[in-house]
Amino acid sequence: MTTNAKTITVPENGETVFIPLNKLKKHPKNARKTPHSEASIEGKAASIAAKGMLQNLVVEPEITDGEPTGFYLVSVGEGRRLAQLLRAKRKEIKKTEPIRCVIDTANDAAEISLDENVNREDLHPADEFERFRELSENRGWGAEEIAARFGTSAHVVKQRLRLGAVSPKLIQVYRDGGLTMDQLQAFAITDDHARQEHVFENLSHNKEP
């Protein structure tokens, strides 16, 4: 669609385009009314800085008085937009940084924004423990390196690495709901998996950490 007044060409539905960061706006129909936390935005910014934008934003052209304004409203990926704005504020990227977006003019923005947030299952903590442990062992990354790449603190990563060192058998028990996080942490005081499993198998009714 092209207008004679502003000569603005609007991409077709389903197209993947690169749009300057300063041409992106939060969609007024975004389902999330509670703002993203600073920690969440910091984490996303760190992840993007380390690995790039792994997911497209979903946007639709902003239309005013029946005409496209040249701006785009973000239906899905507002947190990533805010993370990139934070990076621009820190002079890590330009305000005009091209952001990969998919045009969606077919779906209701409120619905897909809600769908994005409702139909999402967080990674189980046990999976996080094991993945961090793998990064440490397979790539030789320390807690500081992992923390920087995932936007968390080195203290949290060190805790996750300790939990990832617990016997896989006990981690599975934790996954299945047979142990609490505090109980699992108690087993992490030793690296001896056989000892951990022996203690677990001989627990009586008292399972206080």
N, C-alpha and C. Protein backbone atom coordinates (compact mmCIF):
# COMPACT_ATOMS: atom_id res chain seq x y z
N MET A 1 0.86 -1.19 0.00
CA MET A 1 0.00 0.00 0.00
C MET A 1 0.89 1.23 0.00
N THR A 2 0.67 2.15 -0.91
CA THR A 2 1.47 3.36 -1.02
C THR A 2 0.55 4.57 -1.02
N THR A 3 0.91 5.58 -0.24
CA THR A 3 0.10 6.80 -0.23
C THR A 3 0.81 7.88 -1.03
N ASN A 4 0.03 8.72 -1.72
CA ASN A 4 0.61 9.79 -2.50
C ASN A 4 1.09 10.94 -1.62
N ALA A 5 0.39 11.13 -0.46
CA ALA A 5 0.71 12.26 0.40
C ALA A 5 2.09 12.11 1.03
N LYS A 6 2.38 10.94 1.59
CA LYS A 6 3.64 10.74 2.30
C LYS A 6 4.56 9.75 1.59
N THR A 7 4.07 9.12 0.58
CA THR A 7 4.82 8.11 -0.16
C THR A 7 5.45 7.09 0.78
N ILE A 8 4.63 6.57 1.68
CA ILE A 8 5.09 5.56 2.63
C ILE A 8 4.59 4.20 2.16
N THR A 9 5.51 3.29 1.92
CA THR A 9 5.15 1.94 1.50
C THR A 9 5.06 1.04 2.72
N VAL A 10 3.92 0.40 2.87
CA VAL A 10 3.70 -0.49 4.01
C VAL A 10 3.91 -1.92 3.55
N PRO A 11 4.78 -2.69 4.23
CA PRO A 11 5.01 -4.09 3.86
C PRO A 11 3.73 -4.91 3.97
N GLU A 12 3.69 -6.02 3.25
CA GLU A 12 2.54 -6.91 3.27
C GLU A 12 2.54 -7.78 4.53
N ASN A 13 1.37 -8.27 4.89
CA ASN A 13 1.25 -9.18 6.02
C ASN A 13 2.16 -10.40 5.81
N GLY A 14 2.91 -10.76 6.87
CA GLY A 14 3.79 -11.91 6.81
C GLY A 14 5.20 -11.61 6.36
N GLU A 15 5.46 -10.41 5.88
CA GLU A 15 6.81 -10.05 5.44
C GLU A 15 7.74 -9.88 6.64
N THR A 16 9.00 -10.26 6.45
CA THR A 16 10.04 -10.00 7.43
C THR A 16 10.82 -8.77 6.97
N VAL A 17 10.86 -7.75 7.80
CA VAL A 17 11.51 -6.49 7.43
C VAL A 17 12.40 -6.02 8.57
N PHE A 18 13.35 -5.16 8.24
CA PHE A 18 14.19 -4.53 9.26
C PHE A 18 13.72 -3.09 9.44
N ILE A 19 13.32 -2.78 10.66
CA ILE A 19 12.75 -1.47 10.97
C ILE A 19 13.65 -0.77 11.99
N PRO A 20 13.98 0.51 11.77
CA PRO A 20 14.82 1.23 12.74
C PRO A 20 14.18 1.22 14.14
N LEU A 21 15.01 1.04 15.15
CA LEU A 21 14.53 0.98 16.52
C LEU A 21 13.66 2.18 16.88
N ASN A 22 14.06 3.36 16.43
CA ASN A 22 13.30 4.56 16.79
C ASN A 22 11.99 4.72 16.01
N LYS A 23 11.67 3.74 15.18
CA LYS A 23 10.39 3.73 14.47
C LYS A 23 9.42 2.71 15.07
N LEU A 24 9.83 2.12 16.20
CA LEU A 24 9.00 1.12 16.86
C LEU A 24 8.37 1.70 18.12
N LYS A 25 7.11 1.40 18.33
CA LYS A 25 6.38 1.88 19.51
C LYS A 25 5.68 0.71 20.20
N LYS A 26 5.40 0.88 21.48
CA LYS A 26 4.59 -0.11 22.20
C LYS A 26 3.17 -0.07 21.65
N HIS A 27 2.59 -1.25 21.44
CA HIS A 27 1.22 -1.31 20.92
C HIS A 27 0.24 -0.97 22.05
N PRO A 28 -0.72 -0.08 21.80
CA PRO A 28 -1.71 0.24 22.84
C PRO A 28 -2.55 -0.95 23.26
N LYS A 29 -2.60 -1.99 22.43
CA LYS A 29 -3.37 -3.19 22.76
C LYS A 29 -2.53 -4.25 23.45
N ASN A 30 -1.28 -3.93 23.80
CA ASN A 30 -0.42 -4.91 24.46
C ASN A 30 -1.09 -5.42 25.73
N ALA A 31 -1.14 -6.74 25.89
CA ALA A 31 -1.85 -7.34 27.02
C ALA A 31 -1.17 -7.05 28.35
N ARG A 32 0.12 -6.79 28.33
CA ARG A 32 0.88 -6.58 29.57
C ARG A 32 0.74 -5.12 30.01
N LYS A 33 -0.05 -4.89 31.04
CA LYS A 33 -0.21 -3.55 31.58
C LYS A 33 0.76 -3.29 32.74
N THR A 34 1.17 -4.38 33.41
CA THR A 34 2.19 -4.25 34.45
C THR A 34 3.54 -4.15 33.76
N PRO A 35 4.29 -3.09 34.00
CA PRO A 35 5.57 -2.88 33.29
C PRO A 35 6.55 -4.02 33.51
N HIS A 36 7.39 -4.24 32.50
CA HIS A 36 8.49 -5.19 32.67
C HIS A 36 9.39 -4.69 33.80
N SER A 37 9.92 -5.61 34.58
CA SER A 37 10.82 -5.21 35.66
C SER A 37 12.16 -4.78 35.08
N GLU A 38 12.87 -3.95 35.83
CA GLU A 38 14.20 -3.51 35.39
C GLU A 38 15.13 -4.72 35.22
N ALA A 39 15.01 -5.68 36.12
CA ALA A 39 15.86 -6.87 36.04
C ALA A 39 15.58 -7.66 34.77
N SER A 40 14.31 -7.74 34.39
CA SER A 40 13.94 -8.45 33.16
C SER A 40 14.53 -7.77 31.94
N ILE A 41 14.43 -6.45 31.89
CA ILE A 41 14.97 -5.70 30.74
C ILE A 41 16.49 -5.80 30.71
N GLU A 42 17.12 -5.71 31.88
CA GLU A 42 18.58 -5.86 31.96
C GLU A 42 19.00 -7.22 31.43
N GLY A 43 18.26 -8.26 31.84
CA GLY A 43 18.58 -9.61 31.39
C GLY A 43 18.45 -9.76 29.89
N LYS A 44 17.39 -9.22 29.33
CA LYS A 44 17.18 -9.29 27.88
C LYS A 44 18.27 -8.52 27.14
N ALA A 45 18.64 -7.36 27.68
CA ALA A 45 19.69 -6.55 27.04
C ALA A 45 21.02 -7.30 27.02
N ALA A 46 21.34 -7.96 28.14
CA ALA A 46 22.59 -8.72 28.21
C ALA A 46 22.57 -9.89 27.24
N SER A 47 21.44 -10.57 27.16
CA SER A 47 21.31 -11.72 26.26
C SER A 47 21.46 -11.28 24.81
N ILE A 48 20.79 -10.17 24.45
CA ILE A 48 20.85 -9.68 23.06
C ILE A 48 22.28 -9.22 22.72
N ALA A 49 22.93 -8.58 23.69
CA ALA A 49 24.31 -8.12 23.45
C ALA A 49 25.23 -9.31 23.18
N ALA A 50 24.97 -10.43 23.86
CA ALA A 50 25.84 -11.60 23.71
C ALA A 50 25.50 -12.44 22.50
N LYS A 51 24.19 -12.55 22.20
CA LYS A 51 23.76 -13.52 21.17
C LYS A 51 22.96 -12.92 20.03
N GLY A 52 22.66 -11.63 20.11
CA GLY A 52 21.84 -11.01 19.08
C GLY A 52 20.36 -11.26 19.33
N MET A 53 19.53 -10.72 18.45
CA MET A 53 18.08 -10.89 18.56
C MET A 53 17.71 -12.26 17.98
N LEU A 54 17.40 -13.19 18.84
CA LEU A 54 17.11 -14.55 18.39
C LEU A 54 15.66 -14.70 17.93
N GLN A 55 14.79 -13.78 18.34
CA GLN A 55 13.38 -13.85 17.96
C GLN A 55 12.97 -12.55 17.29
N ASN A 56 12.18 -12.67 16.22
CA ASN A 56 11.64 -11.49 15.58
C ASN A 56 10.64 -10.79 16.48
N LEU A 57 10.49 -9.49 16.31
CA LEU A 57 9.34 -8.80 16.87
C LEU A 57 8.18 -8.97 15.90
N VAL A 58 6.97 -8.90 16.41
CA VAL A 58 5.78 -8.93 15.56
C VAL A 58 5.16 -7.54 15.65
N VAL A 59 4.97 -6.92 14.51
CA VAL A 59 4.52 -5.52 14.49
C VAL A 59 3.41 -5.32 13.45
N GLU A 60 2.73 -4.19 13.60
CA GLU A 60 1.79 -3.76 12.56
C GLU A 60 2.00 -2.27 12.32
N PRO A 61 1.75 -1.79 11.10
CA PRO A 61 1.96 -0.37 10.82
C PRO A 61 1.02 0.50 11.65
N GLU A 62 1.52 1.63 12.12
CA GLU A 62 0.66 2.59 12.81
C GLU A 62 -0.10 3.38 11.75
N ILE A 63 -1.40 3.42 11.92
CA ILE A 63 -2.26 4.13 10.96
C ILE A 63 -2.98 5.26 11.68
N THR A 64 -2.87 6.45 11.15
CA THR A 64 -3.57 7.62 11.70
C THR A 64 -4.37 8.29 10.60
N ASP A 65 -5.67 8.48 10.86
CA ASP A 65 -6.56 9.08 9.85
C ASP A 65 -6.49 8.32 8.52
N GLY A 66 -6.36 6.99 8.65
CA GLY A 66 -6.36 6.16 7.46
C GLY A 66 -5.04 6.11 6.72
N GLU A 67 -4.03 6.77 7.23
CA GLU A 67 -2.74 6.82 6.54
C GLU A 67 -1.63 6.27 7.44
N PRO A 68 -0.66 5.54 6.87
CA PRO A 68 0.48 5.05 7.66
C PRO A 68 1.38 6.21 8.08
N THR A 69 1.85 6.16 9.33
CA THR A 69 2.69 7.24 9.85
C THR A 69 4.18 7.01 9.62
N GLY A 70 4.52 5.76 9.28
CA GLY A 70 5.93 5.41 9.17
C GLY A 70 6.46 4.74 10.42
N PHE A 71 5.63 4.72 11.48
CA PHE A 71 5.98 4.01 12.71
C PHE A 71 5.28 2.65 12.73
N TYR A 72 5.79 1.77 13.61
CA TYR A 72 5.21 0.43 13.72
C TYR A 72 4.95 0.12 15.19
N LEU A 73 3.83 -0.53 15.45
CA LEU A 73 3.41 -0.88 16.81
C LEU A 73 3.79 -2.33 17.11
N VAL A 74 4.46 -2.54 18.23
CA VAL A 74 4.96 -3.87 18.58
C VAL A 74 3.88 -4.67 19.31
N SER A 75 3.40 -5.71 18.65
CA SER A 75 2.39 -6.59 19.24
C SER A 75 3.03 -7.67 20.11
N VAL A 76 4.15 -8.20 19.64
CA VAL A 76 4.87 -9.26 20.36
C VAL A 76 6.35 -8.89 20.40
N GLY A 77 6.91 -8.85 21.61
CA GLY A 77 8.33 -8.55 21.75
C GLY A 77 8.62 -7.20 22.37
N GLU A 78 7.66 -6.65 23.12
CA GLU A 78 7.86 -5.34 23.74
C GLU A 78 9.06 -5.34 24.68
N GLY A 79 9.27 -6.43 25.41
CA GLY A 79 10.42 -6.51 26.31
C GLY A 79 11.73 -6.41 25.55
N ARG A 80 11.79 -7.04 24.39
CA ARG A 80 13.01 -6.97 23.57
C ARG A 80 13.20 -5.56 23.01
N ARG A 81 12.09 -4.90 22.67
CA ARG A 81 12.20 -3.50 22.21
C ARG A 81 12.77 -2.63 23.32
N LEU A 82 12.27 -2.79 24.54
CA LEU A 82 12.77 -2.01 25.67
C LEU A 82 14.24 -2.31 25.95
N ALA A 83 14.61 -3.57 25.78
CA ALA A 83 16.02 -3.95 26.00
C ALA A 83 16.92 -3.26 24.99
N GLN A 84 16.47 -3.20 23.75
CA GLN A 84 17.27 -2.52 22.73
C GLN A 84 17.33 -1.01 22.98
N LEU A 85 16.23 -0.44 23.49
CA LEU A 85 16.25 0.98 23.84
C LEU A 85 17.24 1.24 24.97
N LEU A 86 17.33 0.31 25.92
CA LEU A 86 18.31 0.45 27.00
C LEU A 86 19.72 0.40 26.43
N ARG A 87 19.95 -0.49 25.49
CA ARG A 87 21.27 -0.58 24.86
C ARG A 87 21.60 0.68 24.07
N ALA A 88 20.58 1.25 23.45
CA ALA A 88 20.79 2.51 22.71
C ALA A 88 21.11 3.65 23.67
N LYS A 89 20.44 3.67 24.81
CA LYS A 89 20.69 4.70 25.83
C LYS A 89 22.12 4.61 26.34
N ARG A 90 22.64 3.38 26.39
CA ARG A 90 24.02 3.17 26.85
C ARG A 90 25.04 3.31 25.73
N LYS A 91 24.58 3.72 24.56
CA LYS A 91 25.44 3.93 23.39
C LYS A 91 26.05 2.64 22.86
N GLU A 92 25.44 1.50 23.19
CA GLU A 92 25.93 0.23 22.65
C GLU A 92 25.50 0.06 21.20
N ILE A 93 24.35 0.60 20.86
CA ILE A 93 23.84 0.58 19.50
C ILE A 93 23.26 1.95 19.18
N LYS A 94 22.97 2.19 17.91
CA LYS A 94 22.37 3.46 17.52
C LYS A 94 20.85 3.41 17.72
N LYS A 95 20.25 4.58 17.84
CA LYS A 95 18.79 4.65 17.97
C LYS A 95 18.10 4.16 16.70
N THR A 96 18.86 4.14 15.62
CA THR A 96 18.32 3.70 14.33
C THR A 96 18.69 2.25 14.01
N GLU A 97 19.17 1.52 15.02
CA GLU A 97 19.54 0.11 14.83
C GLU A 97 18.41 -0.64 14.14
N PRO A 98 18.69 -1.34 13.03
CA PRO A 98 17.63 -2.09 12.35
C PRO A 98 17.22 -3.32 13.16
N ILE A 99 15.94 -3.45 13.40
CA ILE A 99 15.39 -4.55 14.20
C ILE A 99 14.56 -5.45 13.28
N ARG A 100 14.84 -6.75 13.32
CA ARG A 100 14.12 -7.70 12.46
C ARG A 100 12.70 -7.91 12.99
N CYS A 101 11.73 -7.64 12.14
CA CYS A 101 10.32 -7.71 12.53
C CYS A 101 9.52 -8.48 11.49
N VAL A 102 8.44 -9.08 11.94
CA VAL A 102 7.48 -9.72 11.05
C VAL A 102 6.20 -8.88 11.07
N ILE A 103 5.69 -8.54 9.91
CA ILE A 103 4.47 -7.76 9.81
C ILE A 103 3.25 -8.67 10.01
N ASP A 104 2.36 -8.28 10.91
CA ASP A 104 1.12 -9.03 11.13
C ASP A 104 -0.05 -8.06 11.14
N THR A 105 -0.78 -8.02 10.04
CA THR A 105 -1.98 -7.19 9.95
C THR A 105 -3.23 -8.06 9.88
N ALA A 106 -3.04 -9.39 10.01
CA ALA A 106 -4.17 -10.30 9.89
C ALA A 106 -4.80 -10.62 11.24
N ASN A 107 -3.97 -10.67 12.29
CA ASN A 107 -4.46 -11.04 13.61
C ASN A 107 -4.72 -9.81 14.47
N ASP A 108 -5.63 -9.99 15.44
CA ASP A 108 -5.90 -8.92 16.40
C ASP A 108 -4.70 -8.80 17.34
N ALA A 109 -4.15 -7.60 17.46
CA ALA A 109 -2.94 -7.40 18.26
C ALA A 109 -3.15 -7.76 19.72
N ALA A 110 -4.32 -7.45 20.27
CA ALA A 110 -4.60 -7.78 21.67
C ALA A 110 -4.57 -9.28 21.89
N GLU A 111 -5.09 -10.03 20.92
CA GLU A 111 -5.16 -11.49 21.06
C GLU A 111 -3.78 -12.12 20.98
N ILE A 112 -2.96 -11.71 20.01
CA ILE A 112 -1.66 -12.35 19.87
C ILE A 112 -0.71 -11.92 21.00
N SER A 113 -0.91 -10.72 21.53
CA SER A 113 -0.12 -10.29 22.68
C SER A 113 -0.47 -11.13 23.89
N LEU A 114 -1.76 -11.37 24.10
CA LEU A 114 -2.20 -12.21 25.22
C LEU A 114 -1.72 -13.65 25.02
N ASP A 115 -1.83 -14.13 23.80
CA ASP A 115 -1.41 -15.50 23.49
C ASP A 115 0.07 -15.70 23.78
N GLU A 116 0.87 -14.71 23.44
CA GLU A 116 2.31 -14.78 23.65
C GLU A 116 2.63 -14.93 25.13
N ASN A 117 1.86 -14.27 25.98
CA ASN A 117 2.15 -14.28 27.42
C ASN A 117 1.47 -15.42 28.17
N VAL A 118 0.31 -15.87 27.67
CA VAL A 118 -0.42 -16.94 28.36
C VAL A 118 0.14 -18.31 28.00
N ASN A 119 0.32 -18.55 26.71
CA ASN A 119 0.76 -19.87 26.25
C ASN A 119 2.28 -19.98 26.22
N ARG A 120 2.87 -19.76 27.38
CA ARG A 120 4.32 -19.84 27.49
C ARG A 120 4.65 -20.54 28.80
N GLU A 121 5.44 -21.57 28.71
CA GLU A 121 5.81 -22.33 29.91
C GLU A 121 7.28 -22.06 30.22
N ASP A 122 7.52 -21.57 31.42
CA ASP A 122 8.88 -21.26 31.82
C ASP A 122 9.73 -22.53 31.93
N LEU A 123 11.01 -22.36 31.72
CA LEU A 123 11.95 -23.47 31.86
C LEU A 123 11.95 -23.94 33.30
N HIS A 124 11.87 -25.25 33.49
CA HIS A 124 11.92 -25.79 34.86
C HIS A 124 13.28 -25.46 35.47
N PRO A 125 13.31 -25.06 36.74
CA PRO A 125 14.60 -24.72 37.37
C PRO A 125 15.65 -25.81 37.22
N ALA A 126 15.23 -27.08 37.28
CA ALA A 126 16.20 -28.17 37.14
C ALA A 126 16.87 -28.15 35.77
N ASP A 127 16.11 -27.81 34.73
CA ASP A 127 16.70 -27.72 33.39
C ASP A 127 17.72 -26.58 33.34
N GLU A 128 17.41 -25.49 34.04
CA GLU A 128 18.32 -24.36 34.09
C GLU A 128 19.62 -24.75 34.80
N PHE A 129 19.49 -25.46 35.93
CA PHE A 129 20.70 -25.89 36.65
C PHE A 129 21.61 -26.69 35.73
N GLU A 130 21.01 -27.66 35.03
CA GLU A 130 21.81 -28.57 34.19
C GLU A 130 22.41 -27.86 32.99
N ARG A 131 21.67 -26.93 32.38
CA ARG A 131 22.20 -26.23 31.21
C ARG A 131 23.37 -25.34 31.60
N PHE A 132 23.25 -24.65 32.75
CA PHE A 132 24.35 -23.81 33.21
C PHE A 132 25.58 -24.67 33.49
N ARG A 133 25.36 -25.82 34.08
CA ARG A 133 26.46 -26.73 34.38
C ARG A 133 27.15 -27.18 33.10
N GLU A 134 26.35 -27.46 32.07
CA GLU A 134 26.92 -27.88 30.79
C GLU A 134 27.76 -26.77 30.17
N LEU A 135 27.26 -25.53 30.24
CA LEU A 135 28.02 -24.39 29.70
C LEU A 135 29.36 -24.25 30.43
N SER A 136 29.32 -24.46 31.73
CA SER A 136 30.56 -24.35 32.52
C SER A 136 31.55 -25.45 32.14
N GLU A 137 31.05 -26.68 32.01
CA GLU A 137 31.94 -27.81 31.76
C GLU A 137 32.38 -27.89 30.30
N ASN A 138 31.44 -27.66 29.37
CA ASN A 138 31.75 -27.85 27.95
C ASN A 138 32.45 -26.65 27.31
N ARG A 139 32.17 -25.46 27.81
CA ARG A 139 32.76 -24.27 27.21
C ARG A 139 33.78 -23.59 28.11
N GLY A 140 33.88 -24.07 29.33
CA GLY A 140 34.86 -23.49 30.23
C GLY A 140 34.50 -22.12 30.75
N TRP A 141 33.21 -21.77 30.69
CA TRP A 141 32.78 -20.46 31.16
C TRP A 141 32.65 -20.44 32.67
N GLY A 142 33.13 -19.37 33.28
CA GLY A 142 32.96 -19.18 34.71
C GLY A 142 31.63 -18.52 35.01
N ALA A 143 31.34 -18.35 36.29
CA ALA A 143 30.05 -17.77 36.69
C ALA A 143 29.88 -16.35 36.14
N GLU A 144 30.98 -15.58 36.11
CA GLU A 144 30.88 -14.19 35.63
C GLU A 144 30.53 -14.15 34.15
N GLU A 145 31.14 -15.03 33.35
CA GLU A 145 30.87 -15.07 31.92
C GLU A 145 29.43 -15.49 31.65
N ILE A 146 28.96 -16.52 32.33
CA ILE A 146 27.59 -16.98 32.15
C ILE A 146 26.61 -15.89 32.58
N ALA A 147 26.90 -15.25 33.70
CA ALA A 147 26.02 -14.19 34.20
C ALA A 147 25.91 -13.06 33.20
N ALA A 148 27.03 -12.67 32.61
CA ALA A 148 27.02 -11.57 31.63
C ALA A 148 26.21 -11.92 30.39
N ARG A 149 26.26 -13.17 29.98
CA ARG A 149 25.57 -13.58 28.76
C ARG A 149 24.07 -13.80 28.97
N PHE A 150 23.66 -13.99 30.23
CA PHE A 150 22.25 -14.25 30.48
C PHE A 150 21.59 -13.18 31.36
N GLY A 151 22.34 -12.11 31.64
CA GLY A 151 21.74 -10.99 32.34
C GLY A 151 21.32 -11.29 33.76
N THR A 152 22.12 -12.09 34.46
CA THR A 152 21.83 -12.37 35.86
C THR A 152 23.10 -12.09 36.66
N SER A 153 23.10 -12.39 37.94
CA SER A 153 24.28 -12.13 38.77
C SER A 153 25.16 -13.36 38.87
N ALA A 154 26.44 -13.13 39.11
CA ALA A 154 27.38 -14.24 39.26
C ALA A 154 26.98 -15.08 40.48
N HIS A 155 26.43 -14.44 41.51
CA HIS A 155 26.00 -15.17 42.71
C HIS A 155 24.92 -16.19 42.37
N VAL A 156 23.94 -15.76 41.57
CA VAL A 156 22.86 -16.67 41.17
C VAL A 156 23.42 -17.82 40.34
N VAL A 157 24.32 -17.50 39.41
CA VAL A 157 24.90 -18.54 38.56
C VAL A 157 25.67 -19.55 39.40
N LYS A 158 26.44 -19.08 40.38
CA LYS A 158 27.20 -19.99 41.23
C LYS A 158 26.26 -20.93 41.99
N GLN A 159 25.14 -20.38 42.43
CA GLN A 159 24.15 -21.22 43.12
C GLN A 159 23.59 -22.27 42.17
N ARG A 160 23.29 -21.86 40.93
CA ARG A 160 22.75 -22.79 39.94
C ARG A 160 23.77 -23.87 39.60
N LEU A 161 25.04 -23.49 39.52
CA LEU A 161 26.08 -24.46 39.20
C LEU A 161 26.22 -25.49 40.32
N ARG A 162 26.09 -25.03 41.56
CA ARG A 162 26.15 -25.98 42.68
C ARG A 162 24.98 -26.97 42.61
N LEU A 163 23.81 -26.46 42.30
CA LEU A 163 22.64 -27.33 42.21
C LEU A 163 22.76 -28.27 41.01
N GLY A 164 23.37 -27.78 39.93
CA GLY A 164 23.56 -28.62 38.76
C GLY A 164 24.53 -29.76 39.00
N ALA A 165 25.31 -29.63 40.08
CA ALA A 165 26.29 -30.68 40.41
C ALA A 165 25.70 -31.78 41.29
N VAL A 166 24.44 -31.60 41.69
CA VAL A 166 23.78 -32.63 42.49
C VAL A 166 23.51 -33.84 41.60
N SER A 167 23.44 -35.01 42.19
CA SER A 167 23.18 -36.25 41.47
C SER A 167 21.99 -36.11 40.52
N PRO A 168 22.14 -36.52 39.25
CA PRO A 168 21.01 -36.47 38.31
C PRO A 168 19.77 -37.19 38.84
N LYS A 169 19.99 -38.24 39.62
CA LYS A 169 18.87 -38.98 40.20
C LYS A 169 18.06 -38.08 41.12
N LEU A 170 18.75 -37.28 41.94
CA LEU A 170 18.06 -36.40 42.88
C LEU A 170 17.44 -35.20 42.17
N ILE A 171 18.11 -34.74 41.11
CA ILE A 171 17.52 -33.65 40.33
C ILE A 171 16.20 -34.10 39.71
N GLN A 172 16.15 -35.36 39.28
CA GLN A 172 14.91 -35.89 38.71
C GLN A 172 13.82 -35.99 39.79
N VAL A 173 14.22 -36.37 41.00
CA VAL A 173 13.25 -36.41 42.11
C VAL A 173 12.69 -35.01 42.35
N TYR A 174 13.57 -34.00 42.27
CA TYR A 174 13.14 -32.60 42.41
C TYR A 174 12.18 -32.22 41.30
N ARG A 175 12.50 -32.62 40.06
CA ARG A 175 11.61 -32.36 38.92
C ARG A 175 10.21 -32.95 39.17
N ASP A 176 10.22 -34.13 39.74
CA ASP A 176 8.96 -34.85 39.94
C ASP A 176 8.20 -34.39 41.19
N GLY A 177 8.78 -33.43 41.91
CA GLY A 177 8.10 -32.89 43.08
C GLY A 177 8.41 -33.59 44.38
N GLY A 178 9.40 -34.50 44.35
CA GLY A 178 9.73 -35.26 45.56
C GLY A 178 10.69 -34.54 46.48
N LEU A 179 11.28 -33.46 46.02
CA LEU A 179 12.17 -32.64 46.84
C LEU A 179 11.87 -31.17 46.57
N THR A 180 12.05 -30.34 47.60
CA THR A 180 11.92 -28.90 47.40
C THR A 180 13.28 -28.33 47.00
N MET A 181 13.28 -27.07 46.59
CA MET A 181 14.54 -26.41 46.24
C MET A 181 15.48 -26.39 47.45
N ASP A 182 14.95 -26.06 48.63
CA ASP A 182 15.79 -26.01 49.83
C ASP A 182 16.40 -27.37 50.15
N GLN A 183 15.60 -28.42 49.97
CA GLN A 183 16.11 -29.77 50.24
C GLN A 183 17.20 -30.14 49.25
N LEU A 184 17.01 -29.77 47.99
CA LEU A 184 18.02 -30.07 46.98
C LEU A 184 19.32 -29.33 47.29
N GLN A 185 19.18 -28.08 47.75
CA GLN A 185 20.38 -27.30 48.09
C GLN A 185 21.17 -27.97 49.22
N ALA A 186 20.46 -28.62 50.13
CA ALA A 186 21.15 -29.28 51.24
C ALA A 186 22.08 -30.38 50.75
N PHE A 187 21.69 -31.06 49.66
CA PHE A 187 22.52 -32.13 49.13
C PHE A 187 23.77 -31.59 48.43
N ALA A 188 23.74 -30.30 48.05
CA ALA A 188 24.84 -29.72 47.29
C ALA A 188 26.06 -29.43 48.15
N ILE A 189 25.98 -29.69 49.46
CA ILE A 189 27.15 -29.43 50.31
C ILE A 189 28.29 -30.41 50.02
N THR A 190 27.96 -31.51 49.33
CA THR A 190 29.01 -32.46 48.92
C THR A 190 28.87 -32.74 47.43
N ASP A 191 29.99 -32.98 46.75
CA ASP A 191 29.96 -33.31 45.32
C ASP A 191 29.85 -34.82 45.08
N ASP A 192 29.83 -35.58 46.15
CA ASP A 192 29.81 -37.04 46.06
C ASP A 192 28.38 -37.52 45.78
N HIS A 193 28.12 -37.91 44.53
CA HIS A 193 26.77 -38.33 44.16
C HIS A 193 26.32 -39.57 44.93
N ALA A 194 27.22 -40.50 45.12
CA ALA A 194 26.87 -41.73 45.84
C ALA A 194 26.45 -41.39 47.27
N ARG A 195 27.19 -40.48 47.89
CA ARG A 195 26.87 -40.06 49.26
C ARG A 195 25.51 -39.36 49.28
N GLN A 196 25.27 -38.49 48.30
CA GLN A 196 23.98 -37.79 48.22
C GLN A 196 22.83 -38.79 48.12
N GLU A 197 22.99 -39.76 47.23
CA GLU A 197 21.92 -40.73 47.01
C GLU A 197 21.72 -41.61 48.24
N HIS A 198 22.82 -41.96 48.91
CA HIS A 198 22.73 -42.79 50.11
C HIS A 198 21.94 -42.06 51.21
N VAL A 199 22.25 -40.78 51.38
CA VAL A 199 21.55 -40.00 52.39
C VAL A 199 20.06 -39.91 52.05
N PHE A 200 19.78 -39.67 50.78
CA PHE A 200 18.37 -39.55 50.35
C PHE A 200 17.61 -40.85 50.60
N GLU A 201 18.22 -41.96 50.25
CA GLU A 201 17.54 -43.25 50.38
C GLU A 201 17.31 -43.66 51.83
N ASN A 202 18.10 -43.07 52.74
CA ASN A 202 17.98 -43.43 54.14
C ASN A 202 17.28 -42.35 54.98
N LEU A 203 16.65 -41.40 54.28
CA LEU A 203 15.92 -40.37 55.02
C LEU A 203 14.69 -40.99 55.69
N SER A 204 14.44 -40.55 56.89
CA SER A 204 13.23 -40.98 57.58
C SER A 204 12.12 -39.97 57.26
N HIS A 205 11.12 -39.88 58.09
CA HIS A 205 10.02 -38.93 57.85
C HIS A 205 10.49 -37.50 57.96
N ASN A 206 11.60 -37.26 58.67
CA ASN A 206 12.10 -35.90 58.83
C ASN A 206 12.95 -35.51 57.62
N LYS A 207 12.38 -34.66 56.77
CA LYS A 207 13.10 -34.25 55.55
C LYS A 207 13.42 -32.76 55.56
N GLU A 208 13.59 -32.20 56.75
CA GLU A 208 13.99 -30.80 56.83
C GLU A 208 15.37 -30.64 56.20
N PRO A 209 15.58 -29.57 55.44
CA PRO A 209 16.89 -29.38 54.78
C PRO A 209 18.06 -29.47 55.75
